[in-house]
């Protein structure tokens, strides 16, 4: 674990000193949530909680940290003394990694003294925003591949080592079968995969010798890159020659095939497939790369490209078409003198930026077939009885209502407690178990909500009690109803 305590914006610390000097350390509630799904999609994938847990566990100011802050000449000694003994004492609730999530619902909820809750804002957003973004992008790519394996191999194009390591972790959680990133494999126990580069071919006197040497070294994982010189006239024929020689030696061919990284992938793979089949290698893998994303994969599938395995790099690890998740961290309540929470609301000229007040949780509502019907943001003290009818309504267009009768729905609270009074009470599953859970989560989404273009939006509703509270606060501030 690394000490990331100073991974924060300066204004978090200056606000902390302000709270300290004014003796204002009331317990508060902050919600981290996103306002819009990446890539104009209908859902996102929560990711990064394990790293948030590591960050909170290791949260402390070292002597070097204090010395650096002192050198800035903006912090008083009594405040620096407070920081030298700092540790997190609050509660944290979160939606587990791999869960399908939607806009405006809390992904992470922090209940802590305001100085503590303020300090952790930046790091929580940095971690959750990045990994949730890459997980969401990877889920879209995997959906486009329709069951074909997706390998993540964007490390060399990632925005730095951490983005490469944790981006690969997020991609595997969302469905990738493996990564080229060896350090991610070591750190998180995920499959690592790879073949060879064009330089391997070019370093030998000829293509055939390069292929044969590679096959001798790795007979159980022999994927040959066939587009160094001429894919159809040289690469594929030489690969077939090597495969025939392996078969003649009695080698049990498994995990073998070819890879293309350039050219018209639809045309070339269809031709290559016929050549391989005609030679008796019907089970040979055809892998492709070359600046792929979900849209190009979808197009190639439509064109009948004979690709069974996909390597996706730059456009996945950077989420190139949508490079930021846009999560925010907003104050939702402040504890009063009587120990109860006073709800707080942030107003805006933009209705989508008006926050939901109070201490909240999130329920997932499923239909009788186990598919997601809607999410319901409710106050934390609300309970529901599935033997009673459930009325769902849009919090903005309130005339859009759905009454679900008993037996037509089920509910699940999706937020879990992660820290209790500063102590971690949650065990993070390993990455491959999170991947299994994420696959189950995505299976509860209708295909109409998973499609790449103009997906059907999943409704995120407010409970009647939360809706009434929000309207009351808007009225108190002289704002019109939403």
Protein backbone atom coordinates (compact mmCIF):
# COMPACT_ATOMS: atom_id res chain seq x y z
CA UNK A 1 0.00 0.00 0.00
CA UNK A 2 1.18 3.51 -0.78
CA UNK A 3 0.62 6.56 1.37
CA UNK A 4 -1.51 8.79 -0.86
CA UNK A 5 -2.51 11.25 1.86
CA UNK A 6 -1.19 14.25 -0.09
CA UNK A 7 -2.97 13.08 -3.24
CA UNK A 8 -5.44 15.88 -2.71
CA UNK A 9 -6.25 19.34 -3.97
CA UNK A 10 -4.77 22.15 -1.90
CA UNK A 11 -8.18 23.63 -1.19
CA UNK A 12 -9.17 20.51 0.73
CA UNK A 13 -6.37 21.29 3.20
CA UNK A 14 -7.09 25.02 3.36
CA UNK A 15 -10.76 24.25 4.05
CA UNK A 16 -9.67 21.77 6.71
CA UNK A 17 -7.63 24.47 8.42
CA UNK A 18 -10.64 26.78 8.22
CA UNK A 19 -12.83 24.16 9.90
CA UNK A 20 -10.11 23.60 12.50
CA UNK A 21 -9.72 27.30 13.30
CA UNK A 22 -13.47 27.85 13.61
CA UNK A 23 -13.94 24.72 15.72
CA UNK A 24 -16.28 23.30 13.08
CA UNK A 25 -15.90 19.56 12.84
CA UNK A 26 -19.50 18.45 12.73
CA UNK A 27 -20.24 15.04 11.27
CA UNK A 28 -21.45 15.34 7.69
CA UNK A 29 -22.51 13.17 4.77
CA UNK A 30 -20.93 13.43 1.34
CA UNK A 31 -22.11 11.51 -1.74
CA UNK A 32 -19.86 10.59 -4.68
CA UNK A 33 -21.90 10.04 -7.84
CA UNK A 34 -21.82 10.65 -11.57
CA UNK A 35 -24.26 12.75 -13.58
CA UNK A 36 -23.90 11.19 -17.02
CA UNK A 37 -22.87 7.76 -18.28
CA UNK A 38 -19.72 7.55 -20.43
CA UNK A 39 -19.97 7.21 -24.21
CA UNK A 40 -23.66 8.22 -24.23
CA UNK A 41 -24.46 4.80 -22.80
CA UNK A 42 -27.31 3.77 -20.52
CA UNK A 43 -25.20 2.39 -17.68
CA UNK A 44 -21.78 2.40 -16.04
CA UNK A 45 -19.77 -0.15 -14.04
CA UNK A 46 -18.60 0.71 -10.53
CA UNK A 47 -14.91 0.04 -10.01
CA UNK A 48 -12.01 1.05 -7.79
CA UNK A 49 -13.40 0.34 -4.32
CA UNK A 50 -10.49 -1.90 -3.33
CA UNK A 51 -8.05 0.94 -4.00
CA UNK A 52 -10.26 3.37 -2.04
CA UNK A 53 -10.12 0.95 0.89
CA UNK A 54 -6.31 0.75 0.67
CA UNK A 55 -6.14 4.54 0.54
CA UNK A 56 -8.32 5.03 3.62
CA UNK A 57 -6.49 2.33 5.60
CA UNK A 58 -3.14 4.00 4.94
CA UNK A 59 -4.32 7.59 5.44
CA UNK A 60 -1.82 9.47 7.63
CA UNK A 61 0.56 12.40 7.44
CA UNK A 62 4.24 11.48 7.70
CA UNK A 63 6.93 13.76 9.07
CA UNK A 64 7.96 14.55 5.50
CA UNK A 65 4.34 15.43 4.65
CA UNK A 66 4.13 17.82 7.58
CA UNK A 67 7.49 19.37 6.69
CA UNK A 68 6.37 19.96 3.14
CA UNK A 69 3.08 21.54 4.23
CA UNK A 70 5.01 23.76 6.67
CA UNK A 71 7.22 24.92 3.79
CA UNK A 72 4.17 26.31 1.98
CA UNK A 73 3.83 28.94 4.72
CA UNK A 74 0.03 28.83 4.73
CA UNK A 75 -0.65 26.42 7.58
CA UNK A 76 -0.35 27.22 11.28
CA UNK A 77 1.54 25.02 13.70
CA UNK A 78 -1.51 24.02 15.73
CA UNK A 79 -3.19 22.74 12.55
CA UNK A 80 -0.05 20.88 11.47
CA UNK A 81 0.06 19.29 14.92
CA UNK A 82 -3.53 18.11 14.39
CA UNK A 83 -2.56 16.62 11.01
CA UNK A 84 0.41 14.77 12.51
CA UNK A 85 -2.06 12.67 14.55
CA UNK A 86 -4.71 12.41 11.83
CA UNK A 87 -6.53 9.19 11.04
CA UNK A 88 -9.92 8.44 9.52
CA UNK A 89 -12.66 7.74 12.07
CA UNK A 90 -15.82 7.81 9.97
CA UNK A 91 -18.17 5.43 8.17
CA UNK A 92 -18.14 4.68 4.44
CA UNK A 93 -20.82 2.95 2.41
CA UNK A 94 -20.35 2.00 -1.24
CA UNK A 95 -21.78 0.10 -4.16
CA UNK A 96 -19.53 -2.98 -4.66
CA UNK A 97 -17.18 -3.19 -7.61
CA UNK A 98 -18.60 -4.73 -10.76
CA UNK A 99 -22.13 -3.47 -10.06
CA UNK A 100 -24.09 -1.84 -12.85
CA UNK A 101 -24.73 1.78 -11.81
CA UNK A 102 -26.67 4.75 -13.11
CA UNK A 103 -26.44 8.54 -12.86
CA UNK A 104 -27.25 10.50 -9.69
CA UNK A 105 -27.17 7.55 -7.31
CA UNK A 106 -24.42 7.51 -4.65
CA UNK A 107 -21.52 5.21 -5.53
CA UNK A 108 -19.69 6.07 -2.32
CA UNK A 109 -21.18 7.70 0.81
CA UNK A 110 -18.86 9.16 3.45
CA UNK A 111 -20.19 9.88 6.95
CA UNK A 112 -17.44 11.51 8.98
CA UNK A 113 -16.31 14.69 10.74
CA UNK A 114 -16.15 17.35 8.06
CA UNK A 115 -12.36 17.71 8.15
CA UNK A 116 -11.96 14.00 7.43
CA UNK A 117 -14.74 13.88 4.85
CA UNK A 118 -13.29 16.88 3.04
CA UNK A 119 -9.75 15.50 2.87
CA UNK A 120 -10.72 12.22 1.19
CA UNK A 121 -12.76 13.82 -1.61
CA UNK A 122 -10.06 14.16 -4.25
CA UNK A 123 -8.54 10.70 -3.94
CA UNK A 124 -11.92 8.95 -3.86
CA UNK A 125 -12.97 10.75 -7.04
CA UNK A 126 -9.61 10.13 -8.72
CA UNK A 127 -9.77 6.39 -8.03
CA UNK A 128 -13.47 5.76 -8.67
CA UNK A 129 -13.70 8.02 -11.72
CA UNK A 130 -10.77 6.40 -13.51
CA UNK A 131 -11.52 2.74 -12.88
CA UNK A 132 -15.29 3.12 -13.40
CA UNK A 133 -14.60 4.83 -16.72
CA UNK A 134 -12.33 2.07 -18.01
CA UNK A 135 -14.60 -0.69 -16.70
CA UNK A 136 -17.56 0.88 -18.47
CA UNK A 137 -15.62 1.20 -21.73
CA UNK A 138 -14.46 -2.41 -21.46
CA UNK A 139 -18.01 -3.62 -20.84
CA UNK A 140 -19.11 -1.91 -24.06
CA UNK A 141 -16.22 -3.45 -26.00
CA UNK A 142 -16.99 -6.92 -24.64
CA UNK A 143 -20.68 -6.51 -25.49
CA UNK A 144 -19.79 -5.59 -29.09
CA UNK A 145 -17.66 -8.76 -29.39
CA UNK A 146 -20.73 -10.97 -28.71
CA UNK A 147 -18.91 -13.57 -26.65
CA UNK A 148 -15.53 -13.46 -28.37
CA UNK A 149 -12.58 -12.98 -26.06
CA UNK A 150 -11.25 -9.45 -25.55
CA UNK A 151 -7.66 -9.00 -24.45
CA UNK A 152 -6.61 -5.64 -22.99
CA UNK A 153 -3.18 -4.56 -24.18
CA UNK A 154 -3.06 -0.79 -23.93
CA UNK A 155 -0.28 -0.39 -21.35
CA UNK A 156 2.13 1.43 -23.66
CA UNK A 157 -0.57 3.97 -24.57
CA UNK A 158 -1.98 4.48 -21.07
CA UNK A 159 -1.50 7.84 -19.37
CA UNK A 160 1.21 6.61 -17.05
CA UNK A 161 1.94 3.47 -15.02
CA UNK A 162 -1.01 3.75 -12.61
CA UNK A 163 -3.47 4.24 -15.45
CA UNK A 164 -2.03 1.17 -17.15
CA UNK A 165 -2.08 -1.00 -14.04
CA UNK A 166 -5.47 -0.08 -12.64
CA UNK A 167 -7.05 0.43 -16.05
CA UNK A 168 -6.15 -3.17 -16.92
CA UNK A 169 -7.63 -4.30 -13.59
CA UNK A 170 -10.88 -2.48 -14.38
CA UNK A 171 -10.98 -3.91 -17.90
CA UNK A 172 -10.70 -7.47 -16.61
CA UNK A 173 -13.43 -6.84 -14.04
CA UNK A 174 -15.73 -5.70 -16.84
CA UNK A 175 -15.15 -8.81 -18.92
CA UNK A 176 -11.77 -8.87 -20.67
CA UNK A 177 -10.26 -12.38 -20.69
CA UNK A 178 -6.81 -11.09 -19.86
CA UNK A 179 -4.26 -8.32 -20.13
CA UNK A 180 -0.79 -7.91 -21.58
CA UNK A 181 0.21 -6.04 -18.40
CA UNK A 182 2.41 -8.42 -16.43
CA UNK A 183 2.47 -6.24 -13.30
CA UNK A 184 -1.33 -6.19 -13.21
CA UNK A 185 -1.26 -9.97 -13.50
CA UNK A 186 1.14 -10.24 -10.57
CA UNK A 187 -0.69 -7.72 -8.37
CA UNK A 188 -4.24 -8.96 -8.91
CA UNK A 189 -3.99 -12.57 -10.08
CA UNK A 190 -5.54 -11.97 -13.49
CA UNK A 191 -4.62 -13.82 -16.71
CA UNK A 192 -1.78 -12.34 -18.76
CA UNK A 193 -1.67 -12.99 -22.48
CA UNK A 194 0.40 -12.00 -25.48
CA UNK A 195 2.05 -13.14 -28.70
CA UNK A 196 4.97 -11.45 -30.41
CA UNK A 197 5.71 -8.25 -32.32
CA UNK A 198 6.67 -7.54 -35.92
CA UNK A 199 10.25 -7.08 -34.68
CA UNK A 200 10.38 -10.82 -33.88
CA UNK A 201 9.65 -11.62 -37.53
CA UNK A 202 12.02 -8.97 -38.86
CA UNK A 203 14.91 -10.17 -36.66
CA UNK A 204 15.04 -13.51 -38.52
CA UNK A 205 16.29 -14.17 -42.06
CA UNK A 206 12.76 -15.00 -43.20
CA UNK A 207 9.19 -15.20 -41.93
CA UNK A 208 8.99 -18.99 -41.92
CA UNK A 209 12.05 -19.33 -39.69
CA UNK A 210 10.61 -16.76 -37.27
CA UNK A 211 7.32 -18.66 -37.09
CA UNK A 212 8.98 -22.04 -36.69
CA UNK A 213 11.25 -20.81 -33.90
CA UNK A 214 8.32 -19.29 -32.03
CA UNK A 215 6.28 -22.48 -32.42
CA UNK A 216 9.16 -24.55 -31.03
CA UNK A 217 9.33 -22.27 -27.98
CA UNK A 218 5.58 -21.96 -27.32
CA UNK A 219 3.76 -24.94 -28.86
CA UNK A 220 0.77 -24.55 -26.50
CA UNK A 221 0.25 -20.85 -27.21
CA UNK A 222 1.30 -20.40 -30.80
CA UNK A 223 -0.42 -17.29 -32.19
CA UNK A 224 1.56 -16.07 -35.19
CA UNK A 225 1.50 -12.46 -36.42
CA UNK A 226 0.95 -12.77 -40.16
CA UNK A 227 0.92 -9.21 -41.52
CA UNK A 228 4.60 -8.22 -41.36
CA UNK A 229 5.14 -8.62 -45.12
CA UNK A 230 2.11 -9.90 -47.05
CA UNK A 231 -0.77 -11.39 -45.09
CA UNK A 232 -2.33 -13.67 -47.70
CA UNK A 233 0.68 -14.49 -49.89
CA UNK A 234 3.26 -14.95 -47.16
CA UNK A 235 2.01 -14.71 -43.60
CA UNK A 236 -0.94 -17.12 -43.63
CA UNK A 237 0.78 -19.71 -45.90
CA UNK A 238 3.87 -19.74 -43.66
CA UNK A 239 1.69 -20.09 -40.56
CA UNK A 240 -0.14 -23.03 -42.16
CA UNK A 241 3.20 -24.63 -43.03
CA UNK A 242 4.31 -24.39 -39.40
CA UNK A 243 0.99 -25.75 -38.11
CA UNK A 244 1.27 -28.73 -40.45
CA UNK A 245 4.78 -29.47 -39.22
CA UNK A 246 3.60 -29.27 -35.61
CA UNK A 247 0.79 -31.72 -36.36
CA UNK A 248 3.18 -34.11 -38.11
CA UNK A 249 5.35 -34.09 -34.97
CA UNK A 250 2.35 -35.23 -32.97
CA UNK A 251 1.93 -31.93 -31.16
CA UNK A 252 -1.61 -31.46 -29.86
CA UNK A 253 -2.53 -28.11 -31.33
CA UNK A 254 -4.30 -25.93 -28.80
CA UNK A 255 -4.42 -22.18 -28.31
CA UNK A 256 -2.95 -21.73 -31.77
CA UNK A 257 -3.78 -19.46 -34.65
CA UNK A 258 -2.91 -16.17 -36.32
CA UNK A 259 -3.08 -12.47 -35.53
CA UNK A 260 -3.56 -9.48 -37.83
CA UNK A 261 -2.72 -5.94 -36.84
CA UNK A 262 -3.33 -4.04 -40.08
CA UNK A 263 -5.21 -3.95 -43.35
CA UNK A 264 -8.86 -4.57 -44.13
CA UNK A 265 -9.63 -6.88 -41.24
CA UNK A 266 -12.99 -8.02 -42.60
CA UNK A 267 -11.62 -8.99 -46.02
CA UNK A 268 -8.32 -10.44 -44.80
CA UNK A 269 -9.78 -12.55 -42.00
CA UNK A 270 -12.45 -14.05 -44.24
CA UNK A 271 -9.77 -15.03 -46.76
CA UNK A 272 -7.48 -16.31 -44.00
CA UNK A 273 -10.32 -18.35 -42.49
CA UNK A 274 -10.90 -20.13 -45.79
CA UNK A 275 -7.19 -20.85 -46.19
CA UNK A 276 -6.94 -22.25 -42.67
CA UNK A 277 -10.10 -24.34 -43.03
CA UNK A 278 -9.02 -25.72 -46.40
CA UNK A 279 -5.75 -26.80 -44.76
CA UNK A 280 -7.61 -28.61 -41.99
CA UNK A 281 -7.19 -26.05 -39.24
CA UNK A 282 -10.82 -25.17 -38.63
CA UNK A 283 -10.23 -24.55 -34.92
CA UNK A 284 -7.35 -22.11 -35.44
CA UNK A 285 -7.89 -18.79 -33.67
CA UNK A 286 -7.97 -15.63 -35.74
CA UNK A 287 -7.07 -12.69 -33.56
CA UNK A 288 -7.15 -9.05 -34.61
CA UNK A 289 -6.00 -5.74 -33.20
CA UNK A 290 -5.34 -2.38 -34.93
CA UNK A 291 -7.00 0.56 -33.07
CA UNK A 292 -10.18 -1.34 -32.27
CA UNK A 293 -13.08 -0.06 -30.20
CA UNK A 294 -16.67 -1.19 -29.67
CA UNK A 295 -17.93 0.57 -32.80
CA UNK A 296 -15.32 -0.93 -35.14
CA UNK A 297 -15.76 -4.38 -33.59
CA UNK A 298 -19.52 -4.09 -34.07
CA UNK A 299 -18.99 -3.06 -37.70
CA UNK A 300 -16.57 -5.90 -38.37
CA UNK A 301 -19.00 -8.41 -36.85
CA UNK A 302 -21.73 -7.05 -39.12
CA UNK A 303 -19.42 -7.50 -42.13
CA UNK A 304 -18.85 -11.14 -41.24
CA UNK A 305 -15.20 -10.77 -40.25
CA UNK A 306 -13.83 -14.19 -39.26
CA UNK A 307 -12.32 -12.95 -36.00
CA UNK A 308 -12.67 -14.98 -32.82
CA UNK A 309 -10.35 -13.04 -30.52
CA UNK A 310 -9.80 -9.30 -30.23
CA UNK A 311 -6.91 -7.28 -28.83
CA UNK A 312 -7.98 -3.81 -27.79
CA UNK A 313 -5.44 -1.25 -26.65
CA UNK A 314 -5.40 2.52 -26.95
CA UNK A 315 -9.12 3.15 -27.34
CA UNK A 316 -9.92 1.01 -24.28
CA UNK A 317 -7.19 1.94 -21.80
CA UNK A 318 -7.70 5.66 -22.47
CA UNK A 319 -11.45 5.53 -23.19
CA UNK A 320 -10.38 7.69 -26.10
CA UNK A 321 -13.79 8.95 -27.20
CA UNK A 322 -14.85 9.78 -23.61
CA UNK A 323 -11.75 10.39 -21.49
CA UNK A 324 -13.41 11.40 -18.20
CA UNK A 325 -16.08 9.84 -15.99
CA UNK A 326 -17.34 13.05 -14.44
CA UNK A 327 -18.02 11.86 -10.92
CA UNK A 328 -18.65 14.52 -8.26
CA UNK A 329 -18.64 14.65 -4.45
CA UNK A 330 -21.37 16.70 -2.82
CA UNK A 331 -22.44 17.53 0.72
CA UNK A 332 -25.82 15.95 1.48
CA UNK A 333 -26.35 16.48 5.21
CA UNK A 334 -24.85 18.02 8.36
CA UNK A 335 -25.41 16.65 11.86
CA UNK A 336 -27.31 19.01 14.15
CA UNK A 337 -26.83 19.55 17.86
CA UNK A 338 -29.47 16.91 18.60
CA UNK A 339 -27.55 14.23 16.69
CA UNK A 340 -29.90 14.08 13.71
CA UNK A 341 -28.87 14.94 10.19
CA UNK A 342 -30.01 18.21 8.66
CA UNK A 343 -30.41 17.64 4.89
CA UNK A 344 -28.52 19.96 2.55
CA UNK A 345 -29.16 20.68 -1.13
CA UNK A 346 -27.02 22.30 -3.80
CA UNK A 347 -29.01 24.46 -6.20
CA UNK A 348 -28.16 25.29 -9.79
CA UNK A 349 -29.63 26.90 -12.86
CA UNK A 350 -29.10 23.48 -14.46
CA UNK A 351 -31.68 21.09 -13.01
CA UNK A 352 -29.40 18.06 -13.46
CA UNK A 353 -26.89 19.69 -11.07
CA UNK A 354 -29.38 20.08 -8.22
CA UNK A 355 -28.39 17.46 -5.66
CA UNK A 356 -30.52 14.98 -3.73
CA UNK A 357 -30.43 15.85 -0.01
CA UNK A 358 -30.16 13.74 3.10
CA UNK A 359 -28.77 10.40 4.22
CA UNK A 360 -29.59 8.05 1.35
CA UNK A 361 -29.27 4.52 0.09
CA UNK A 362 -30.03 2.82 -3.23
CA UNK A 363 -32.42 -0.02 -3.97
CA UNK A 364 -32.42 -1.99 -7.20
CA UNK A 365 -35.86 -2.96 -8.42
CA UNK A 366 -36.15 -6.09 -10.57
CA UNK A 367 -39.11 -7.33 -12.55
CA UNK A 368 -40.49 -10.85 -12.21
CA UNK A 369 -37.85 -12.13 -14.68
CA UNK A 370 -34.95 -10.72 -12.66
CA UNK A 371 -34.23 -7.88 -15.07
CA UNK A 372 -33.57 -4.34 -13.85
CA UNK A 373 -36.76 -2.30 -13.84
CA UNK A 374 -35.37 0.81 -12.14
CA UNK A 375 -33.18 2.03 -9.32
CA UNK A 376 -34.75 3.77 -6.35
CA UNK A 377 -32.84 6.34 -4.30
CA UNK A 378 -34.39 6.41 -0.84
CA UNK A 379 -33.62 7.83 2.58
CA UNK A 380 -31.50 5.45 4.63
CA UNK A 381 -34.19 4.86 7.25
CA UNK A 382 -36.83 3.80 4.72
CA UNK A 383 -37.87 0.16 4.49
CA UNK A 384 -39.88 -1.66 1.84
CA UNK A 385 -42.21 -4.63 1.94
CA UNK A 386 -42.33 -6.64 -1.30
CA UNK A 387 -45.77 -7.91 -0.29
CA UNK A 388 -47.06 -4.38 -0.85
CA UNK A 389 -47.51 -2.46 -4.15
CA UNK A 390 -44.58 -0.26 -5.17
CA UNK A 391 -45.12 3.04 -6.96
CA UNK A 392 -42.23 4.27 -9.09
CA UNK A 393 -42.21 7.72 -10.65
CA UNK A 394 -39.76 9.90 -12.52
CA UNK A 395 -38.45 12.65 -10.19
CA UNK A 396 -38.55 15.27 -12.97
CA UNK A 397 -41.39 14.13 -15.22
CA UNK A 398 -43.53 13.00 -12.31
CA UNK A 399 -46.48 11.96 -14.48
CA UNK A 400 -44.41 9.00 -15.64
CA UNK A 401 -45.52 6.43 -13.08
CA UNK A 402 -45.37 2.65 -12.76
CA UNK A 403 -47.32 0.73 -10.13
CA UNK A 404 -45.81 -2.68 -9.45
CA UNK A 405 -48.01 -5.21 -7.68
CA UNK A 406 -46.72 -7.83 -5.22
CA UNK A 407 -45.13 -10.72 -7.09
CA UNK A 408 -44.24 -8.47 -10.03
CA UNK A 409 -41.03 -7.16 -8.52
CA UNK A 410 -38.21 -7.74 -6.06
CA UNK A 411 -35.82 -5.28 -4.42
CA UNK A 412 -32.17 -5.33 -3.32
CA UNK A 413 -30.27 -2.67 -1.41
CA UNK A 414 -27.03 -2.28 -3.35
CA UNK A 415 -24.98 -0.11 -0.97
CA UNK A 416 -22.89 -1.96 1.64
CA UNK A 417 -20.98 -0.75 4.67
CA UNK A 418 -17.24 -0.59 4.06
CA UNK A 419 -15.85 1.32 7.06
CA UNK A 420 -17.34 1.51 10.55
CA UNK A 421 -15.81 4.18 12.83
CA UNK A 422 -12.62 4.10 10.80
CA UNK A 423 -12.27 0.30 10.74
CA UNK A 424 -12.71 -1.62 7.50
CA UNK A 425 -15.58 -4.11 7.78
CA UNK A 426 -15.66 -5.22 4.13
CA UNK A 427 -13.56 -7.88 2.42
CA UNK A 428 -12.89 -7.10 -1.22
CA UNK A 429 -13.31 -10.15 -3.47
CA UNK A 430 -10.48 -11.05 -5.82
CA UNK A 431 -10.62 -9.61 -9.32
CA UNK A 432 -11.76 -12.78 -11.06
CA UNK A 433 -14.65 -13.19 -8.59
CA UNK A 434 -15.61 -9.56 -9.19
CA UNK A 435 -15.55 -10.32 -12.93
CA UNK A 436 -18.04 -13.17 -12.43
CA UNK A 437 -20.29 -10.88 -10.40
CA UNK A 438 -20.00 -8.14 -13.04
CA UNK A 439 -21.06 -10.59 -15.74
CA UNK A 440 -24.12 -11.49 -13.69
CA UNK A 441 -24.88 -7.81 -13.18
CA UNK A 442 -24.71 -7.04 -16.90
CA UNK A 443 -27.03 -9.98 -17.58
CA UNK A 444 -29.78 -8.14 -15.66
CA UNK A 445 -29.70 -5.30 -18.20
CA UNK A 446 -32.00 -5.48 -21.19
CA UNK A 447 -30.19 -5.57 -24.54
CA UNK A 448 -32.01 -2.34 -25.39
CA UNK A 449 -30.02 -0.65 -22.63
CA UNK A 450 -26.74 -2.24 -23.69
CA UNK A 451 -26.87 -1.29 -27.37
CA UNK A 452 -24.12 1.08 -28.46
CA UNK A 453 -26.27 3.69 -30.17
CA UNK A 454 -29.31 5.38 -28.62
CA UNK A 455 -29.78 2.91 -25.76
CA UNK A 456 -32.92 2.74 -23.66
CA UNK A 457 -32.39 4.71 -20.45
CA UNK A 458 -32.81 2.92 -17.13
CA UNK A 459 -34.90 5.02 -14.74
CA UNK A 460 -33.44 6.23 -11.46
CA UNK A 461 -36.37 7.27 -9.29
CA UNK A 462 -36.68 8.93 -5.90
CA UNK A 463 -38.75 7.54 -3.08
CA UNK A 464 -41.82 9.58 -2.21
CA UNK A 465 -40.25 10.58 1.10
CA UNK A 466 -37.02 11.76 -0.54
CA UNK A 467 -38.92 13.54 -3.30
CA UNK A 468 -41.05 15.40 -0.74
CA UNK A 469 -37.95 16.39 1.22
CA UNK A 470 -36.29 17.74 -1.91
CA UNK A 471 -39.38 19.75 -2.84
CA UNK A 472 -39.56 21.18 0.67
CA UNK A 473 -35.97 22.40 0.49
CA UNK A 474 -36.51 23.86 -2.97
CA UNK A 475 -39.58 25.71 -1.65
CA UNK A 476 -37.59 27.02 1.31
CA UNK A 477 -35.04 28.45 -1.08
CA UNK A 478 -37.76 29.98 -3.23
CA UNK A 479 -37.20 27.69 -6.18
CA UNK A 480 -39.88 26.24 -8.40
CA UNK A 481 -40.78 22.60 -8.16
CA UNK A 482 -38.90 20.12 -10.31
